[in-house]
Amino acid sequence: MNRYLVVWLREGRENVDVIDNAITPHEAANKVREVHVNANVVAVGIMLDNEQWNYL
């Protein structure tokens, strides 16, 4: 499994969640939407080596 960084908006505020238990970026975004009702996901990134993120 991969570690994903999911950026989402609600009421004009930017929020970030780290999802550790997802296989695909789509699954990570769905997990955020399940936890944060009405979350507007705007970006999903995958963690690469050395704590660097690559946005998908």
PDB file of N, CA and C in Angstrom:
ATOM      1  N   MET A   1       0.840  -1.191   0.000  1.00  0.00           N
ATOM      2  CA  MET A   1       0.000   0.000   0.000  1.00  0.00           C
ATOM      3  C   MET A   1       0.881   1.249   0.000  1.00  0.00           C
ATOM      4  N   ASN A   2       0.316   2.322  -0.482  1.00  0.00           N
ATOM      5  CA  ASN A   2       1.045   3.581  -0.590  1.00  0.00           C
ATOM      6  C   ASN A   2       0.549   4.589   0.426  1.00  0.00           C
ATOM      7  N   ARG A   3       1.348   5.606   0.641  1.00  0.00           N
ATOM      8  CA  ARG A   3       0.960   6.720   1.511  1.00  0.00           C
ATOM      9  C   ARG A   3       0.603   7.902   0.605  1.00  0.00           C
ATOM     10  N   TYR A   4      -0.598   8.441   0.812  1.00  0.00           N
ATOM     11  CA  TYR A   4      -1.096   9.547  -0.006  1.00  0.00           C
ATOM     12  C   TYR A   4      -1.339  10.784   0.845  1.00  0.00           C
ATOM     13  N   LEU A   5      -1.056  11.926   0.268  1.00  0.00           N
ATOM     14  CA  LEU A   5      -1.362  13.217   0.853  1.00  0.00           C
ATOM     15  C   LEU A   5      -2.565  13.751   0.083  1.00  0.00           C
ATOM     16  N   VAL A   6      -3.663  14.015   0.779  1.00  0.00           N
ATOM     17  CA  VAL A   6      -4.894  14.469   0.136  1.00  0.00           C
ATOM     18  C   VAL A   6      -5.206  15.886   0.614  1.00  0.00           C
ATOM     19  N   VAL A   7      -5.280  16.819  -0.334  1.00  0.00           N
ATOM     20  CA  VAL A   7      -5.618  18.211  -0.029  1.00  0.00           C
ATOM     21  C   VAL A   7      -7.086  18.405  -0.369  1.00  0.00           C
ATOM     22  N   TRP A   8      -7.830  18.965   0.589  1.00  0.00           N
ATOM     23  CA  TRP A   8      -9.254  19.160   0.371  1.00  0.00           C
ATOM     24  C   TRP A   8      -9.701  20.487   0.965  1.00  0.00           C
ATOM     25  N   LEU A   9     -10.832  20.983   0.453  1.00  0.00           N
ATOM     26  CA  LEU A   9     -11.379  22.269   0.883  1.00  0.00           C
ATOM     27  C   LEU A   9     -12.744  22.074   1.525  1.00  0.00           C
ATOM     28  N   ARG A  10     -13.003  22.921   2.503  1.00  0.00           N
ATOM     29  CA  ARG A  10     -14.348  23.025   3.068  1.00  0.00           C
ATOM     30  C   ARG A  10     -14.488  24.446   3.597  1.00  0.00           C
ATOM     31  N   GLU A  11     -15.566  25.096   3.187  1.00  0.00           N
ATOM     32  CA  GLU A  11     -15.868  26.463   3.623  1.00  0.00           C
ATOM     33  C   GLU A  11     -14.688  27.398   3.406  1.00  0.00           C
ATOM     34  N   GLY A  12     -14.010  27.249   2.271  1.00  0.00           N
ATOM     35  CA  GLY A  12     -12.920  28.138   1.914  1.00  0.00           C
ATOM     36  C   GLY A  12     -11.606  27.867   2.622  1.00  0.00           C
ATOM     37  N   ARG A  13     -11.527  26.836   3.423  1.00  0.00           N
ATOM     38  CA  ARG A  13     -10.292  26.501   4.141  1.00  0.00           C
ATOM     39  C   ARG A  13      -9.634  25.274   3.538  1.00  0.00           C
ATOM     40  N   GLU A  14      -8.320  25.332   3.400  1.00  0.00           N
ATOM     41  CA  GLU A  14      -7.546  24.208   2.885  1.00  0.00           C
ATOM     42  C   GLU A  14      -7.161  23.283   4.027  1.00  0.00           C
ATOM     43  N   ASN A  15      -7.348  21.990   3.820  1.00  0.00           N
ATOM     44  CA  ASN A  15      -7.014  20.971   4.813  1.00  0.00           C
ATOM     45  C   ASN A  15      -6.184  19.892   4.140  1.00  0.00           C
ATOM     46  N   VAL A  16      -5.387  19.186   4.925  1.00  0.00           N
ATOM     47  CA  VAL A  16      -4.545  18.117   4.392  1.00  0.00           C
ATOM     48  C   VAL A  16      -4.669  16.898   5.289  1.00  0.00           C
ATOM     49  N   ASP A  17      -4.885  15.740   4.678  1.00  0.00           N
ATOM     50  CA  ASP A  17      -4.899  14.467   5.395  1.00  0.00           C
ATOM     51  C   ASP A  17      -3.855  13.550   4.768  1.00  0.00           C
ATOM     52  N   VAL A  18      -3.214  12.740   5.585  1.00  0.00           N
ATOM     53  CA  VAL A  18      -2.305  11.704   5.104  1.00  0.00           C
ATOM     54  C   VAL A  18      -3.028  10.375   5.247  1.00  0.00           C
ATOM     55  N   ILE A  19      -3.156   9.666   4.134  1.00  0.00           N
ATOM     56  CA  ILE A  19      -3.859   8.386   4.106  1.00  0.00           C
ATOM     57  C   ILE A  19      -2.823   7.279   3.882  1.00  0.00           C
ATOM     58  N   ASP A  20      -2.705   6.392   4.850  1.00  0.00           N
ATOM     59  CA  ASP A  20      -1.704   5.328   4.782  1.00  0.00           C
ATOM     60  C   ASP A  20      -2.241   4.017   4.221  1.00  0.00           C
ATOM     61  N   ASN A  21      -3.510   3.812   4.240  1.00  0.00           N
ATOM     62  CA  ASN A  21      -4.053   2.500   3.915  1.00  0.00           C
ATOM     63  C   ASN A  21      -4.862   2.500   2.627  1.00  0.00           C
ATOM     64  N   ALA A  22      -4.328   3.112   1.567  1.00  0.00           N
ATOM     65  CA  ALA A  22      -5.016   3.139   0.276  1.00  0.00           C
ATOM     66  C   ALA A  22      -4.108   2.535  -0.793  1.00  0.00           C
ATOM     67  N   ILE A  23      -4.726   1.943  -1.786  1.00  0.00           N
ATOM     68  CA  ILE A  23      -3.971   1.337  -2.878  1.00  0.00           C
ATOM     69  C   ILE A  23      -3.846   2.308  -4.053  1.00  0.00           C
ATOM     70  N   THR A  24      -4.889   3.099  -4.306  1.00  0.00           N
ATOM     71  CA  THR A  24      -4.887   4.031  -5.437  1.00  0.00           C
ATOM     72  C   THR A  24      -5.186   5.452  -4.941  1.00  0.00           C
ATOM     73  N   PRO A  25      -4.844   6.461  -5.743  1.00  0.00           N
ATOM     74  CA  PRO A  25      -5.199   7.840  -5.376  1.00  0.00           C
ATOM     75  C   PRO A  25      -6.714   8.030  -5.246  1.00  0.00           C
ATOM     76  N   HIS A  26      -7.465   7.365  -6.104  1.00  0.00           N
ATOM     77  CA  HIS A  26      -8.928   7.462  -6.052  1.00  0.00           C
ATOM     78  C   HIS A  26      -9.454   6.933  -4.720  1.00  0.00           C
ATOM     79  N   GLU A  27      -8.898   5.825  -4.265  1.00  0.00           N
ATOM     80  CA  GLU A  27      -9.312   5.260  -2.983  1.00  0.00           C
ATOM     81  C   GLU A  27      -8.969   6.202  -1.831  1.00  0.00           C
ATOM     82  N   ALA A  28      -7.796   6.834  -1.883  1.00  0.00           N
ATOM     83  CA  ALA A  28      -7.402   7.792  -0.843  1.00  0.00           C
ATOM     84  C   ALA A  28      -8.379   8.969  -0.802  1.00  0.00           C
ATOM     85  N   ALA A  29      -8.741   9.494  -1.970  1.00  0.00           N
ATOM     86  CA  ALA A  29      -9.699  10.604  -2.030  1.00  0.00           C
ATOM     87  C   ALA A  29     -11.051  10.182  -1.475  1.00  0.00           C
ATOM     88  N   ASN A  30     -11.488   8.972  -1.794  1.00  0.00           N
ATOM     89  CA  ASN A  30     -12.774   8.487  -1.281  1.00  0.00           C
ATOM     90  C   ASN A  30     -12.754   8.336   0.233  1.00  0.00           C
ATOM     91  N   LYS A  31     -11.631   7.890   0.792  1.00  0.00           N
ATOM     92  CA  LYS A  31     -11.529   7.758   2.251  1.00  0.00           C
ATOM     93  C   LYS A  31     -11.669   9.123   2.924  1.00  0.00           C
ATOM     94  N   VAL A  32     -11.078  10.164   2.332  1.00  0.00           N
ATOM     95  CA  VAL A  32     -11.210  11.514   2.876  1.00  0.00           C
ATOM     96  C   VAL A  32     -12.665  11.966   2.794  1.00  0.00           C
ATOM     97  N   ARG A  33     -13.314  11.698   1.678  1.00  0.00           N
ATOM     98  CA  ARG A  33     -14.721  12.094   1.516  1.00  0.00           C
ATOM     99  C   ARG A  33     -15.633  11.375   2.512  1.00  0.00           C
ATOM    100  N   GLU A  34     -15.281  10.130   2.866  1.00  0.00           N
ATOM    101  CA  GLU A  34     -16.075   9.386   3.853  1.00  0.00           C
ATOM    102  C   GLU A  34     -15.943   9.992   5.246  1.00  0.00           C
ATOM    103  N   VAL A  35     -14.730  10.404   5.599  1.00  0.00           N
ATOM    104  CA  VAL A  35     -14.467  10.942   6.939  1.00  0.00           C
ATOM    105  C   VAL A  35     -14.951  12.377   7.065  1.00  0.00           C
ATOM    106  N   HIS A  36     -14.712  13.180   6.036  1.00  0.00           N
ATOM    107  CA  HIS A  36     -15.059  14.602   6.055  1.00  0.00           C
ATOM    108  C   HIS A  36     -16.189  14.840   5.056  1.00  0.00           C
ATOM    109  N   VAL A  37     -17.402  14.763   5.532  1.00  0.00           N
ATOM    110  CA  VAL A  37     -18.570  14.925   4.671  1.00  0.00           C
ATOM    111  C   VAL A  37     -18.500  16.292   3.982  1.00  0.00           C
ATOM    112  N   ASN A  38     -18.823  16.308   2.706  1.00  0.00           N
ATOM    113  CA  ASN A  38     -18.797  17.517   1.875  1.00  0.00           C
ATOM    114  C   ASN A  38     -17.388  18.037   1.610  1.00  0.00           C
ATOM    115  N   ALA A  39     -16.357  17.215   1.790  1.00  0.00           N
ATOM    116  CA  ALA A  39     -14.992  17.632   1.465  1.00  0.00           C
ATOM    117  C   ALA A  39     -14.847  17.717  -0.047  1.00  0.00           C
ATOM    118  N   ASN A  40     -14.241  18.792  -0.510  1.00  0.00           N
ATOM    119  CA  ASN A  40     -13.963  18.992  -1.928  1.00  0.00           C
ATOM    120  C   ASN A  40     -12.483  18.686  -2.151  1.00  0.00           C
ATOM    121  N   VAL A  41     -12.156  17.474  -2.596  1.00  0.00           N
ATOM    122  CA  VAL A  41     -10.763  17.071  -2.797  1.00  0.00           C
ATOM    123  C   VAL A  41     -10.205  17.810  -4.015  1.00  0.00           C
ATOM    124  N   VAL A  42      -9.075  18.492  -3.821  1.00  0.00           N
ATOM    125  CA  VAL A  42      -8.490  19.270  -4.903  1.00  0.00           C
ATOM    126  C   VAL A  42      -7.160  18.716  -5.397  1.00  0.00           C
ATOM    127  N   ALA A  43      -6.481  17.873  -4.602  1.00  0.00           N
ATOM    128  CA  ALA A  43      -5.215  17.296  -5.033  1.00  0.00           C
ATOM    129  C   ALA A  43      -4.909  16.055  -4.219  1.00  0.00           C
ATOM    130  N   VAL A  44      -4.236  15.108  -4.887  1.00  0.00           N
ATOM    131  CA  VAL A  44      -3.769  13.899  -4.212  1.00  0.00           C
ATOM    132  C   VAL A  44      -2.320  13.708  -4.604  1.00  0.00           C
ATOM    133  N   GLY A  45      -1.473  13.473  -3.608  1.00  0.00           N
ATOM    134  CA  GLY A  45      -0.061  13.228  -3.874  1.00  0.00           C
ATOM    135  C   GLY A  45       0.342  11.881  -3.326  1.00  0.00           C
ATOM    136  N   ILE A  46       1.374  11.293  -3.922  1.00  0.00           N
ATOM    137  CA  ILE A  46       1.891  10.016  -3.441  1.00  0.00           C
ATOM    138  C   ILE A  46       3.270  10.256  -2.851  1.00  0.00           C
ATOM    139  N   MET A  47       3.550   9.603  -1.733  1.00  0.00           N
ATOM    140  CA  MET A  47       4.839   9.787  -1.080  1.00  0.00           C
ATOM    141  C   MET A  47       5.902   8.968  -1.790  1.00  0.00           C
ATOM    142  N   LEU A  48       6.991   9.629  -2.141  1.00  0.00           N
ATOM    143  CA  LEU A  48       8.137   8.989  -2.762  1.00  0.00           C
ATOM    144  C   LEU A  48       9.215   8.770  -1.711  1.00  0.00           C
ATOM    145  N   ASP A  49      10.347   8.288  -2.102  1.00  0.00           N
ATOM    146  CA  ASP A  49      11.470   8.105  -1.180  1.00  0.00           C
ATOM    147  C   ASP A  49      11.891   9.435  -0.572  1.00  0.00           C
ATOM    148  N   ASN A  50      12.483   9.382   0.593  1.00  0.00           N
ATOM    149  CA  ASN A  50      13.045  10.562   1.279  1.00  0.00           C
ATOM    150  C   ASN A  50      12.000  11.608   1.631  1.00  0.00           C
ATOM    151  N   GLU A  51      10.778  11.156   1.927  1.00  0.00           N
ATOM    152  CA  GLU A  51       9.710  12.067   2.370  1.00  0.00           C
ATOM    153  C   GLU A  51       9.342  13.133   1.332  1.00  0.00           C
ATOM    154  N   GLN A  52       9.572  12.877   0.059  1.00  0.00           N
ATOM    155  CA  GLN A  52       9.174  13.814  -0.991  1.00  0.00           C
ATOM    156  C   GLN A  52       7.817  13.382  -1.536  1.00  0.00           C
ATOM    157  N   TRP A  53       7.034  14.370  -1.953  1.00  0.00           N
ATOM    158  CA  TRP A  53       5.693  14.099  -2.455  1.00  0.00           C
ATOM    159  C   TRP A  53       5.635  14.416  -3.943  1.00  0.00           C
ATOM    160  N   ASN A  54       4.908  13.599  -4.689  1.00  0.00           N
ATOM    161  CA  ASN A  54       4.659  13.836  -6.108  1.00  0.00           C
ATOM    162  C   ASN A  54       3.149  13.917  -6.286  1.00  0.00           C
ATOM    163  N   TYR A  55       2.669  15.086  -6.694  1.00  0.00           N
ATOM    164  CA  TYR A  55       1.213  15.261  -6.858  1.00  0.00           C
ATOM    165  C   TYR A  55       0.744  14.609  -8.135  1.00  0.00           C
ATOM    166  N   LEU A  56      -0.371  13.912  -8.033  1.00  0.00           N
ATOM    167  CA  LEU A  56      -0.932  13.172  -9.171  1.00  0.00           C
ATOM    168  C   LEU A  56      -2.016  13.976  -9.845  1.00  0.00           C
TER     169      LEU A  56
END
